[in-house]
C-alpha atoms as a PDB file:
ATOM      1  CA  MET A   1       8.637  -7.428   0.396  1.00  0.00           C
ATOM      2  CA  LYS A   2       9.351 -10.409  -1.864  1.00  0.00           C
ATOM      3  CA  THR A   3       7.113 -13.242  -3.001  1.00  0.00           C
ATOM      4  CA  THR A   4       7.687 -16.066  -5.467  1.00  0.00           C
ATOM      5  CA  ILE A   5       5.668 -17.942  -8.045  1.00  0.00           C
ATOM      6  CA  ASN A   6       6.530 -21.230  -9.725  1.00  0.00           C
ATOM      7  CA  ILE A   7       6.298 -21.473 -13.506  1.00  0.00           C
ATOM      8  CA  LYS A   8       6.943 -24.994 -14.827  1.00  0.00           C
ATOM      9  CA  GLY A   9       9.490 -25.705 -12.110  1.00  0.00           C
ATOM     10  CA  THR A  10      11.176 -22.278 -12.189  1.00  0.00           C
ATOM     11  CA  GLU A  11      10.947 -20.092  -9.064  1.00  0.00           C
ATOM     12  CA  ILE A  12      10.416 -16.438 -10.026  1.00  0.00           C
ATOM     13  CA  SER A  13      10.793 -13.663  -7.458  1.00  0.00           C
ATOM     14  CA  ILE A  14       8.405 -10.703  -7.353  1.00  0.00           C
ATOM     15  CA  ILE A  15       9.226  -7.558  -5.373  1.00  0.00           C
ATOM     16  CA  LYS A  16       7.211  -4.458  -4.529  1.00  0.00           C
ATOM     17  CA  LYS A  17       8.314  -0.951  -5.425  1.00  0.00           C
ATOM     18  CA  GLU A  18       5.898   1.866  -4.578  1.00  0.00           C
ATOM     19  CA  SER A  19       3.003  -0.621  -4.557  1.00  0.00           C
ATOM     20  CA  GLU A  20       3.900  -1.934  -8.035  1.00  0.00           C
ATOM     21  CA  ASP A  21       4.957  -5.514  -8.801  1.00  0.00           C
ATOM     22  CA  TYR A  22       8.361  -6.186 -10.397  1.00  0.00           C
ATOM     23  CA  PHE A  23       9.330  -9.629 -11.729  1.00  0.00           C
ATOM     24  CA  SER A  24      12.862 -10.982 -11.700  1.00  0.00           C
ATOM     25  CA  LEU A  25      13.896 -11.297 -15.357  1.00  0.00           C
ATOM     26  CA  THR A  26      17.032 -13.036 -14.078  1.00  0.00           C
ATOM     27  CA  ASP A  27      14.842 -15.795 -12.630  1.00  0.00           C
ATOM     28  CA  ILE A  28      12.660 -15.978 -15.720  1.00  0.00           C
ATOM     29  CA  VAL A  29      15.586 -16.612 -18.102  1.00  0.00           C
ATOM     30  CA  LYS A  30      16.777 -19.543 -15.976  1.00  0.00           C
ATOM     31  CA  HIS A  31      14.052 -21.543 -17.713  1.00  0.00           C
ATOM     32  CA  PHE A  32      15.567 -20.713 -21.114  1.00  0.00           C
ATOM     33  CA  GLY A  33      19.253 -19.847 -20.679  1.00  0.00           C
ATOM     34  CA  ASP A  34      21.118 -17.071 -18.883  1.00  0.00           C
ATOM     35  CA  ASP A  35      21.229 -13.275 -18.506  1.00  0.00           C
ATOM     36  CA  THR A  36      22.578 -12.806 -22.043  1.00  0.00           C
ATOM     37  CA  MET A  37      19.007 -13.331 -23.257  1.00  0.00           C
ATOM     38  CA  ILE A  38      17.982 -10.134 -21.462  1.00  0.00           C
ATOM     39  CA  TYR A  39      20.688  -8.197 -23.344  1.00  0.00           C
ATOM     40  CA  SER A  40      19.611  -9.750 -26.659  1.00  0.00           C
ATOM     41  CA  TRP A  41      16.001  -8.741 -25.967  1.00  0.00           C
ATOM     42  CA  MET A  42      17.012  -5.164 -25.156  1.00  0.00           C
ATOM     43  CA  ARG A  43      18.959  -4.812 -28.421  1.00  0.00           C
ATOM     44  CA  SER A  44      15.728  -5.120 -30.400  1.00  0.00           C
ATOM     45  CA  ARG A  45      14.308  -1.895 -31.826  1.00  0.00           C
ATOM     46  CA  TYR A  46      10.791  -3.119 -31.026  1.00  0.00           C
ATOM     47  CA  THR A  47      11.784  -3.706 -27.394  1.00  0.00           C
ATOM     48  CA  LEU A  48      13.286  -0.226 -27.130  1.00  0.00           C
ATOM     49  CA  GLU A  49      10.147   1.348 -28.565  1.00  0.00           C
ATOM     50  CA  PHE A  50       8.020  -0.557 -26.055  1.00  0.00           C
ATOM     51  CA  LEU A  51      10.263   0.429 -23.131  1.00  0.00           C
ATOM     52  CA  GLY A  52      10.311   4.042 -24.280  1.00  0.00           C
ATOM     53  CA  VAL A  53       6.520   4.287 -24.593  1.00  0.00           C
ATOM     54  CA  TRP A  54       6.070   2.655 -21.176  1.00  0.00           C
ATOM     55  CA  GLU A  55       8.445   5.152 -19.547  1.00  0.00           C
ATOM     56  CA  GLU A  56       6.822   8.131 -21.260  1.00  0.00           C
ATOM     57  CA  LEU A  57       3.451   7.034 -19.890  1.00  0.00           C
ATOM     58  CA  ASN A  58       4.641   6.264 -16.367  1.00  0.00           C
ATOM     59  CA  ASN A  59       7.799   8.276 -15.681  1.00  0.00           C
ATOM     60  CA  SER A  60       7.837  12.084 -15.709  1.00  0.00           C
ATOM     61  CA  ASP A  61      11.652  12.100 -15.267  1.00  0.00           C
ATOM     62  CA  PHE A  62      12.307   9.917 -18.303  1.00  0.00           C
ATOM     63  CA  LYS A  63      15.024  11.329 -20.598  1.00  0.00           C
ATOM     64  CA  GLY A  64      13.481  11.095 -24.040  1.00  0.00           C
ATOM     65  CA  ASN A  65      16.517  12.410 -25.910  1.00  0.00           C
ATOM     66  CA  GLU A  66      18.709   9.558 -24.711  1.00  0.00           C
ATOM     67  CA  PHE A  67      15.929   7.146 -25.657  1.00  0.00           C
ATOM     68  CA  VAL A  68      15.880   8.506 -29.215  1.00  0.00           C
ATOM     69  CA  THR A  69      19.647   8.020 -29.450  1.00  0.00           C
ATOM     70  CA  PHE A  70      19.370   4.387 -28.382  1.00  0.00           C
ATOM     71  CA  LYS A  71      16.535   3.812 -30.849  1.00  0.00           C
ATOM     72  CA  MET A  72      18.589   5.172 -33.738  1.00  0.00           C
ATOM     73  CA  GLU A  73      21.447   2.797 -32.869  1.00  0.00           C
ATOM     74  CA  ALA A  74      19.207  -0.248 -32.424  1.00  0.00           C
ATOM     75  CA  GLY A  75      19.757  -2.917 -35.049  1.00  0.00           C
ATOM     76  CA  LEU A  76      23.425  -2.066 -35.661  1.00  0.00           C
ATOM     77  CA  ASN A  77      25.889  -4.892 -35.108  1.00  0.00           C
ATOM     78  CA  THR A  78      27.841  -2.694 -32.699  1.00  0.00           C
ATOM     79  CA  PHE A  79      24.798  -1.752 -30.613  1.00  0.00           C
ATOM     80  CA  ASN A  80      24.794  -3.131 -27.098  1.00  0.00           C
ATOM     81  CA  LEU A  81      22.478  -2.219 -24.237  1.00  0.00           C
ATOM     82  CA  THR A  82      22.358  -3.495 -20.667  1.00  0.00           C
ATOM     83  CA  PRO A  83      19.660  -2.808 -18.052  1.00  0.00           C
ATOM     84  CA  LYS A  84      22.115  -0.740 -16.006  1.00  0.00           C
ATOM     85  CA  LYS A  85      23.114   1.374 -19.008  1.00  0.00           C
ATOM     86  CA  TRP A  86      19.458   1.942 -19.923  1.00  0.00           C
ATOM     87  CA  ILE A  87      18.550   2.998 -16.379  1.00  0.00           C
ATOM     88  CA  GLU A  88      21.510   5.341 -15.908  1.00  0.00           C
ATOM     89  CA  ALA A  89      21.126   7.040 -19.304  1.00  0.00           C
ATOM     90  CA  THR A  90      17.343   7.547 -19.325  1.00  0.00           C
ATOM     91  CA  LYS A  91      16.416   7.476 -15.618  1.00  0.00           C
ATOM     92  CA  ALA A  92      14.069   4.596 -16.413  1.00  0.00           C
ATOM     93  CA  ILE A  93      11.935   3.161 -13.615  1.00  0.00           C
ATOM     94  CA  GLY A  94      10.376   0.208 -15.420  1.00  0.00           C
ATOM     95  CA  ILE A  95      13.514  -1.874 -15.055  1.00  0.00           C
ATOM     96  CA  ILE A  96      15.566  -2.275 -11.872  1.00  0.00           C
ATOM     97  CA  SER A  97      19.125  -3.560 -11.679  1.00  0.00           C
ATOM     98  CA  LYS A  98      19.976  -4.902  -8.212  1.00  0.00           C
ATOM     99  CA  SER A  99      23.410  -6.036  -7.076  1.00  0.00           C
ATOM    100  CA  GLY A 100      24.114  -8.678  -4.472  1.00  0.00           C
ATOM    101  CA  ARG A 101      24.413 -12.413  -4.255  1.00  0.00           C
ATOM    102  CA  TYR A 102      20.956 -12.821  -2.725  1.00  0.00           C
ATOM    103  CA  GLY A 103      18.057 -11.006  -4.375  1.00  0.00           C
ATOM    104  CA  GLY A 104      20.273  -9.373  -6.982  1.00  0.00           C
ATOM    105  CA  GLY A 105      19.629  -9.315 -10.726  1.00  0.00           C
ATOM    106  CA  THR A 106      17.364  -7.565 -13.199  1.00  0.00           C
ATOM    107  CA  TYR A 107      13.735  -6.857 -12.290  1.00  0.00           C
ATOM    108  CA  ALA A 108      11.014  -5.384 -14.495  1.00  0.00           C
ATOM    109  CA  HIS A 109       7.556  -3.957 -13.930  1.00  0.00           C
ATOM    110  CA  LYS A 110       4.875  -6.562 -14.613  1.00  0.00           C
ATOM    111  CA  ASP A 111       3.887  -4.868 -17.893  1.00  0.00           C
ATOM    112  CA  ILE A 112       7.457  -5.168 -19.151  1.00  0.00           C
ATOM    113  CA  ALA A 113       7.955  -8.635 -17.675  1.00  0.00           C
ATOM    114  CA  PHE A 114       4.929  -9.943 -19.586  1.00  0.00           C
ATOM    115  CA  GLU A 115       6.326  -8.418 -22.791  1.00  0.00           C
ATOM    116  CA  PHE A 116       9.648 -10.133 -22.114  1.00  0.00           C
ATOM    117  CA  GLY A 117       7.739 -13.378 -21.544  1.00  0.00           C
ATOM    118  CA  SER A 118       6.128 -13.026 -24.986  1.00  0.00           C
ATOM    119  CA  TRP A 119       9.563 -12.626 -26.558  1.00  0.00           C
ATOM    120  CA  LEU A 120      10.786 -15.776 -24.834  1.00  0.00           C
ATOM    121  CA  SER A 121       7.699 -17.948 -25.336  1.00  0.00           C
ATOM    122  CA  PRO A 122       3.974 -17.126 -25.727  1.00  0.00           C
ATOM    123  CA  GLU A 123       3.185 -20.286 -23.749  1.00  0.00           C
ATOM    124  CA  PHE A 124       5.466 -19.230 -20.903  1.00  0.00           C
ATOM    125  CA  LYS A 125       3.856 -15.789 -20.868  1.00  0.00           C
ATOM    126  CA  MET A 126       0.397 -17.325 -20.443  1.00  0.00           C
ATOM    127  CA  TYR A 127       1.599 -19.434 -17.512  1.00  0.00           C
ATOM    128  CA  LEU A 128       3.255 -16.332 -16.051  1.00  0.00           C
ATOM    129  CA  ILE A 129       0.061 -14.269 -16.252  1.00  0.00           C
ATOM    130  CA  LYS A 130      -2.125 -17.080 -14.931  1.00  0.00           C
ATOM    131  CA  GLU A 131       0.117 -17.764 -11.923  1.00  0.00           C
ATOM    132  CA  PHE A 132       0.422 -14.042 -11.160  1.00  0.00           C
ATOM    133  CA  GLN A 133      -3.370 -13.689 -11.208  1.00  0.00           C
ATOM    134  CA  ARG A 134      -3.660 -16.602  -8.797  1.00  0.00           C
ATOM    135  CA  LEU A 135      -1.119 -14.916  -6.497  1.00  0.00           C
ATOM    136  CA  LYS A 136      -3.049 -11.623  -6.501  1.00  0.00           C
ATOM    137  CA  GLU A 137      -6.335 -13.424  -5.790  1.00  0.00           C
ATOM    138  CA  ASP A 138      -4.714 -15.147  -2.800  1.00  0.00           C
ATOM    139  CA  GLU A 139      -3.312 -11.827  -1.556  1.00  0.00           C
ATOM    140  CA  ASN A 140      -6.663 -10.070  -1.915  1.00  0.00           C
ATOM    141  CA  GLY A 141      -8.381 -12.934  -0.081  1.00  0.00           C
ATOM    142  CA  ARG A 142      -5.955 -12.703   2.835  1.00  0.00           C
ATOM    143  CA  LEU A 143      -6.287  -8.924   2.986  1.00  0.00           C
ATOM    144  CA  LYS A 144     -10.089  -9.158   2.995  1.00  0.00           C
ATOM    145  CA  LEU A 145     -10.001 -11.773   5.748  1.00  0.00           C
ATOM    146  CA  GLU A 146      -7.619  -9.664   7.823  1.00  0.00           C
ATOM    147  CA  TRP A 147      -9.733  -6.534   7.269  1.00  0.00           C
ATOM    148  CA  ASN A 148     -12.894  -8.357   8.381  1.00  0.00           C
ATOM    149  CA  PHE A 149     -11.101  -9.663  11.464  1.00  0.00           C
ATOM    150  CA  GLN A 150      -9.883  -6.196  12.437  1.00  0.00           C
ATOM    151  CA  ARG A 151     -13.356  -4.734  11.805  1.00  0.00           C
ATOM    152  CA  THR A 152     -14.863  -7.403  14.084  1.00  0.00           C
ATOM    153  CA  LEU A 153     -12.222  -6.718  16.720  1.00  0.00           C
ATOM    154  CA  ALA A 154     -12.999  -3.019  16.557  1.00  0.00           C
ATOM    155  CA  LYS A 155     -16.695  -3.779  17.111  1.00  0.00           C
ATOM    156  CA  VAL A 156     -15.881  -5.949  20.142  1.00  0.00           C
ATOM    157  CA  ASN A 157     -13.738  -3.196  21.608  1.00  0.00           C
ATOM    158  CA  TYR A 158     -16.527  -0.764  20.805  1.00  0.00           C
ATOM    159  CA  ARG A 159     -18.790  -2.740  23.186  1.00  0.00           C
ATOM    160  CA  ILE A 160     -16.185  -2.458  25.945  1.00  0.00           C
ATOM    161  CA  HIS A 161     -15.894   1.227  25.114  1.00  0.00           C
ATOM    162  CA  THR A 162     -19.646   1.872  25.357  1.00  0.00           C
ATOM    163  CA  ASP A 163     -19.896  -0.078  28.633  1.00  0.00           C
ATOM    164  CA  ALA A 164     -17.254   2.221  30.135  1.00  0.00           C
ATOM    165  CA  ILE A 165     -19.164   5.262  28.870  1.00  0.00           C
ATOM    166  CA  LYS A 166     -22.408   3.923  30.327  1.00  0.00           C
ATOM    167  CA  GLU A 167     -20.871   3.312  33.732  1.00  0.00           C
ATOM    168  CA  LYS A 168     -18.921   6.543  34.117  1.00  0.00           C
ATOM    169  CA  LEU A 169     -20.386   9.208  31.853  1.00  0.00           C
ATOM    170  CA  ILE A 170     -24.150   8.581  31.692  1.00  0.00           C
ATOM    171  CA  PRO A 171     -26.100   9.572  34.804  1.00  0.00           C
ATOM    172  CA  PRO A 172     -28.901   7.276  36.024  1.00  0.00           C
ATOM    173  CA  GLN A 173     -32.302   7.603  34.289  1.00  0.00           C
ATOM    174  CA  LEU A 174     -30.880   9.624  31.404  1.00  0.00           C
ATOM    175  CA  SER A 175     -33.145   9.534  28.347  1.00  0.00           C
ATOM    176  CA  ARG A 176     -32.194   7.315  25.439  1.00  0.00           C
ATOM    177  CA  GLU A 177     -31.742  10.368  23.215  1.00  0.00           C
ATOM    178  CA  LYS A 178     -29.345  11.991  25.669  1.00  0.00           C
ATOM    179  CA  SER A 179     -27.475   8.700  26.099  1.00  0.00           C
ATOM    180  CA  ASN A 180     -27.014   8.412  22.336  1.00  0.00           C
ATOM    181  CA  GLN A 181     -25.595  11.931  22.261  1.00  0.00           C
ATOM    182  CA  VAL A 182     -22.934  10.924  24.786  1.00  0.00           C
ATOM    183  CA  TYR A 183     -22.101   7.758  22.837  1.00  0.00           C
ATOM    184  CA  ALA A 184     -21.854   9.740  19.603  1.00  0.00           C
ATOM    185  CA  SER A 185     -19.664  12.335  21.281  1.00  0.00           C
ATOM    186  CA  GLU A 186     -17.225   9.687  22.485  1.00  0.00           C
ATOM    187  CA  GLY A 187     -17.307   7.942  19.098  1.00  0.00           C
ATOM    188  CA  ASP A 188     -16.349  11.184  17.397  1.00  0.00           C
ATOM    189  CA  LEU A 189     -13.608  11.688  19.970  1.00  0.00           C
ATOM    190  CA  LEU A 190     -11.975   8.555  18.551  1.00  0.00           C
ATOM    191  CA  ASN A 191     -12.717   9.654  14.984  1.00  0.00           C
ATOM    192  CA  VAL A 192     -11.001  12.996  15.504  1.00  0.00           C
ATOM    193  CA  ALA A 193      -8.043  11.370  17.274  1.00  0.00           C
ATOM    194  CA  LEU A 194      -7.494   8.880  14.436  1.00  0.00           C
ATOM    195  CA  TYR A 195      -8.926  10.414  11.254  1.00  0.00           C
ATOM    196  CA  GLY A 196      -8.757  14.101  12.118  1.00  0.00           C
ATOM    197  CA  MET A 197     -12.498  14.617  11.555  1.00  0.00           C
ATOM    198  CA  THR A 198     -15.911  13.726  12.936  1.00  0.00           C
ATOM    199  CA  ALA A 199     -18.269  11.238  11.284  1.00  0.00           C
ATOM    200  CA  LYS A 200     -20.426  14.111  10.048  1.00  0.00           C
ATOM    201  CA  GLU A 201     -17.438  15.951   8.554  1.00  0.00           C
ATOM    202  CA  TRP A 202     -16.340  12.797   6.736  1.00  0.00           C
ATOM    203  CA  LYS A 203     -19.838  12.248   5.329  1.00  0.00           C
ATOM    204  CA  GLU A 204     -20.035  15.834   4.113  1.00  0.00           C
ATOM    205  CA  SER A 205     -16.658  15.424   2.379  1.00  0.00           C
ATOM    206  CA  ASN A 206     -17.614  12.041   0.866  1.00  0.00           C
ATOM    207  CA  PRO A 207     -21.329  12.250  -0.047  1.00  0.00           C
ATOM    208  CA  GLN A 208     -20.916   9.650  -2.807  1.00  0.00           C
ATOM    209  CA  LYS A 209     -19.570   6.915  -0.518  1.00  0.00           C
ATOM    210  CA  GLU A 210     -21.776   4.418   1.282  1.00  0.00           C
ATOM    211  CA  GLY A 211     -21.328   3.527   4.939  1.00  0.00           C
ATOM    212  CA  ASN A 212     -19.341   5.497   7.470  1.00  0.00           C
ATOM    213  CA  ILE A 213     -15.755   6.579   7.939  1.00  0.00           C
ATOM    214  CA  ARG A 214     -14.785   3.321   9.649  1.00  0.00           C
ATOM    215  CA  ASP A 215     -16.151   1.178   6.812  1.00  0.00           C
ATOM    216  CA  HIS A 216     -13.546   2.798   4.552  1.00  0.00           C
ATOM    217  CA  SER A 217     -10.617   2.375   6.943  1.00  0.00           C
ATOM    218  CA  SER A 218      -7.374   0.612   6.122  1.00  0.00           C
ATOM    219  CA  ILE A 219      -6.315  -2.448   8.105  1.00  0.00           C
ATOM    220  CA  GLU A 220      -3.787  -0.308   9.967  1.00  0.00           C
ATOM    221  CA  GLN A 221      -6.452   2.210  10.928  1.00  0.00           C
ATOM    222  CA  LEU A 222      -8.748  -0.532  12.228  1.00  0.00           C
ATOM    223  CA  ILE A 223      -5.928  -1.949  14.354  1.00  0.00           C
ATOM    224  CA  VAL A 224      -5.252   1.478  15.847  1.00  0.00           C
ATOM    225  CA  LEU A 225      -8.992   2.120  16.300  1.00  0.00           C
ATOM    226  CA  SER A 226      -9.287  -1.051  18.392  1.00  0.00           C
ATOM    227  CA  ASN A 227      -6.362   0.060  20.524  1.00  0.00           C
ATOM    228  CA  LEU A 228      -7.822   3.555  20.955  1.00  0.00           C
ATOM    229  CA  GLU A 229     -11.167   2.143  22.089  1.00  0.00           C
ATOM    230  CA  SER A 230      -9.410   0.085  24.752  1.00  0.00           C
ATOM    231  CA  LEU A 231      -7.270   3.036  25.839  1.00  0.00           C
ATOM    232  CA  ASN A 232     -10.240   5.397  25.973  1.00  0.00           C
ATOM    233  CA  SER A 233     -12.172   2.885  28.095  1.00  0.00           C
ATOM    234  CA  ILE A 234      -9.325   2.863  30.622  1.00  0.00           C
ATOM    235  CA  LEU A 235      -9.092   6.662  30.649  1.00  0.00           C
ATOM    236  CA  ILE A 236     -12.854   6.956  31.136  1.00  0.00           C
ATOM    237  CA  MET A 237     -12.737   4.531  34.071  1.00  0.00           C
ATOM    238  CA  GLN A 238      -9.969   6.695  35.528  1.00  0.00           C
ATOM    239  CA  SER A 239     -12.305   9.720  35.251  1.00  0.00           C
ATOM    240  CA  VAL A 240      -9.993  11.586  32.847  1.00  0.00           C
ATOM    241  CA  SER A 241     -11.930  14.420  31.198  1.00  0.00           C
ATOM    242  CA  GLN A 242     -12.524  14.513  27.456  1.00  0.00           C
ATOM    243  CA  LYS A 243     -10.005  17.198  26.435  1.00  0.00           C
ATOM    244  CA  PRO A 244      -6.857  15.537  27.857  1.00  0.00           C
ATOM    245  CA  ARG A 245      -8.168  12.177  26.652  1.00  0.00           C
ATOM    246  CA  LEU A 246      -8.330  13.525  23.092  1.00  0.00           C
ATOM    247  CA  VAL A 247      -4.713  14.661  23.250  1.00  0.00           C
ATOM    248  CA  GLN A 248      -3.547  11.289  24.598  1.00  0.00           C
ATOM    249  CA  LEU A 249      -5.563   9.362  22.034  1.00  0.00           C
ATOM    250  CA  ASN A 250      -4.299  11.487  19.159  1.00  0.00           C
ATOM    251  CA  ASN A 251      -0.668  11.078  20.249  1.00  0.00           C
ATOM    252  CA  CYS A 252      -1.228   7.334  20.517  1.00  0.00           C
ATOM    253  CA  ALA A 253      -2.845   7.212  17.060  1.00  0.00           C
ATOM    254  CA  ILE A 254       0.045   9.080  15.440  1.00  0.00           C
ATOM    255  CA  PHE A 255       2.667   6.881  17.103  1.00  0.00           C
ATOM    256  CA  GLN A 256       0.917   3.610  16.243  1.00  0.00           C
ATOM    257  CA  MET A 257       0.085   4.565  12.639  1.00  0.00           C
ATOM    258  CA  ARG A 258       3.686   5.637  12.043  1.00  0.00           C
ATOM    259  CA  SER A 259       4.945   2.345  13.428  1.00  0.00           C
ATOM    260  CA  LEU A 260       2.492   0.193  11.441  1.00  0.00           C
ATOM    261  CA  LEU A 261       3.029   1.994   8.148  1.00  0.00           C
ATOM    262  CA  SER A 262       6.787   1.928   8.583  1.00  0.00           C
ATOM    263  CA  PHE A 263       6.687  -1.795   9.371  1.00  0.00           C
ATOM    264  CA  ASN A 264       4.595  -2.533   6.279  1.00  0.00           C
ATOM    265  CA  LYS A 265       6.657  -0.129   4.150  1.00  0.00           C
ATOM    266  CA  LYS A 266       3.537   1.639   2.896  1.00  0.00           C
ATOM    267  CA  PRO A 267       3.189   5.313   1.976  1.00  0.00           C
ATOM    268  CA  ASP A 268       1.789   7.362   4.836  1.00  0.00           C
ATOM    269  CA  LEU A 269      -2.005   7.206   4.803  1.00  0.00           C
ATOM    270  CA  LEU A 270      -2.368  10.080   7.244  1.00  0.00           C
ATOM    271  CA  ARG A 271      -0.845  13.526   7.256  1.00  0.00           C
ATOM    272  CA  GLU A 272       0.113  13.410  10.909  1.00  0.00           C
ATOM    273  CA  GLU A 273       0.558  17.134  11.365  1.00  0.00           C
ATOM    274  CA  GLU A 274      -2.909  17.764   9.929  1.00  0.00           C
ATOM    275  CA  VAL A 275      -4.486  15.146  12.205  1.00  0.00           C
ATOM    276  CA  LEU A 276      -2.745  16.596  15.246  1.00  0.00           C
ATOM    277  CA  TYR A 277      -3.815  20.115  14.263  1.00  0.00           C
ATOM    278  CA  ARG A 278      -7.446  19.100  13.832  1.00  0.00           C
ATOM    279  CA  ALA A 279      -7.467  17.189  17.093  1.00  0.00           C
ATOM    280  CA  GLU A 280      -5.972  20.103  19.029  1.00  0.00           C
ATOM    281  CA  LYS A 281      -8.425  22.456  17.335  1.00  0.00           C
ATOM    282  CA  LYS A 282     -11.348  20.264  18.447  1.00  0.00           C
ATOM    283  CA  ALA A 283      -9.935  20.108  21.969  1.00  0.00           C
ATOM    284  CA  ALA A 284      -9.479  23.860  22.219  1.00  0.00           C
END
């Protein structure tokens, strides 16, 4: 996923890597010169010390011995260091070197990109930080809006779901207490199919959290929850008993979550085998 920000007329690309933001240093230097400025920056002993400390704090595979060698050579007239050489020698993750005509170049984690911005121009760094903050606020606003929409949609589908339960599963003149037990049972059917646990089990595992399991769902989970409520309503109207419904709903949840997470390129939020195991255990 790539986004861009504009700093004083210069378009700067930002990519995601494992949920972290990386700025294009290649784009940044267009405001000041060319890629040779990146190499000049990396020759500095101070820069190397900063990069080394960052990697030691964030990268368990970082090769410290190679870093020490580079640091000893820094400052010599013959010393030369490129992003690619740094990455290959130390297994650094803070800087990325991408090839290709479109989207290629040198990218750096936001912490490193801001440090590079300071080296280029303190004023430019301030604009860079300010515009990045604006971008994140916009992203968070859109995510919150989308989450609220999906939560509302899930509630609408919940009404359809409860109407189907009322028509097919609740006998006439059943007491309100007994009716609520049926509703809760069907609600937990969806919880087990999607989350691998009942509402009570979630609460016992998360006593410090307010609300219920659905209030802490991801957008993807809310989308799937809405779909499961619709599917369960259809299965109820078809008089399918609870055990085979649970299996169908769980299979549907696994398939849809895998598709959504793969599409959004996010790490898996659910351990699918564990969810399937819990669902089958509940159905047994």
